[in-house]
Amino acid sequence: MVPSPRATDRHAFRLPANMDGFDPAFAAGPKAAGSLLLVGLLLAGTLAVVRTPVGSAKTVGTSRAGRFRMHDAGPTATGRVGRRPRLVSPSAIAVDAETGRVFIGNQPDRRMPVASLVKIMTALLVLEHGDLSATVVVSRRAASTPPVSIGLRPGQRISVRALLYGMLLRSGNDAAMALAEHVSGSMSSFVTLMNERANQLGLSHTRFADPAGLDDRGYGTARDLATLTRAALQVPAFTAIVNTDRFVLRDGRRRARTLWNIDLFRGQYQGAFGVKTGFTTRAGQCLVAAARRNGRTLIAVVLGDSPASHWQDAFGDAARLLDYGFAMSPSRLS
């Protein structure tokens, strides 16, 4: 029986956010040395946070996403709430997933690169336009997308469902590219679709440049990401995937492989059920977290935390944001 990563802290070797294991073919390639060095530097940081609980706070779901607006709860919205938490992140926000009310924010409209948090939009579009049971034929371009990789091969046939798990649990960039090409025929066409959907959702400070988050010319804000996540959480399949511990990827040519969810925050904050981590050198460590308590679902977004903190800052900020939001009296928020 395979142990749950909640019991094993997803194993001591689990890598963070947008850094992960490599396909053997890549490891032998010319890009390997620099990437492996970066992975090595980040690995120690992951081990530092794996067994450190970050907070106190229980899944959400339902229909199709429309246009969302968020309103600041304001000072009259608080009940018995402690002092506003001190945050390390240069940009952060906590909102109610159902109503969009903002509990607390720190420069929530500051434009920043958001790394793999881009994959939330990619997943939403795939779920809105695709068929989970459809078969995708992996292109050479998708298979050669830089890591994080789930090891796709040119010509490989794989379901949309499996690719979504690979993208959201393992943060596979190759999976994101394969899905984008499947939905729109090309990456550029899919990016156009991403930005059109962003406009429909009212994400006025967001521009997508690729489906995986590797291109830091794209940007977003904490507020826009909270709005996007509210939309995604209304799709039951999205919520189910991000709240999954592991997915077994079966391939006729290889042994079945288990893809563990590398969002370690889920196992460290009570009630957390997702959503996504992200990292690039420019974006820093980024996190969208969602948690449920007493029938209320909150979303926290933190952007730009320093890799030097080894995820302690990002996870700690998210926990403080969620704690502050849950401490607000629901009766004062109606």
Foldseek 3Di string as FASTA:
>chain_A
DDDFCLVCLPPLQQFAFFQGDDDPVVCPDPVNPVNVVVRVVLSVLQNVCSPPFQAEFAFFAADFFFAADEAELPPLQFDPFDDQDDAPFQWKWKAFLPRRYTLDIHPQFDKFQAFQLLLLLLVNVCVVQHDQADKFQQAPVLQPPDDPAPRDDHRFIDGLNVLNLCCWQVVHSSSQQSSQCVRQVHFVRSQVVSVVVLVRRVQPRWHDDGNRRPDRVTIGGNSSSSSSVSRSRHHHSQRVSFQDQWDWQDDPVDHIDIRGRNPSLQSRYYFKRDDHWGDDPRWATWGWIWGDHPHTIMIMIGTDDHSVNSCSSVSNNRNSNVVRVVNGDVVSSD
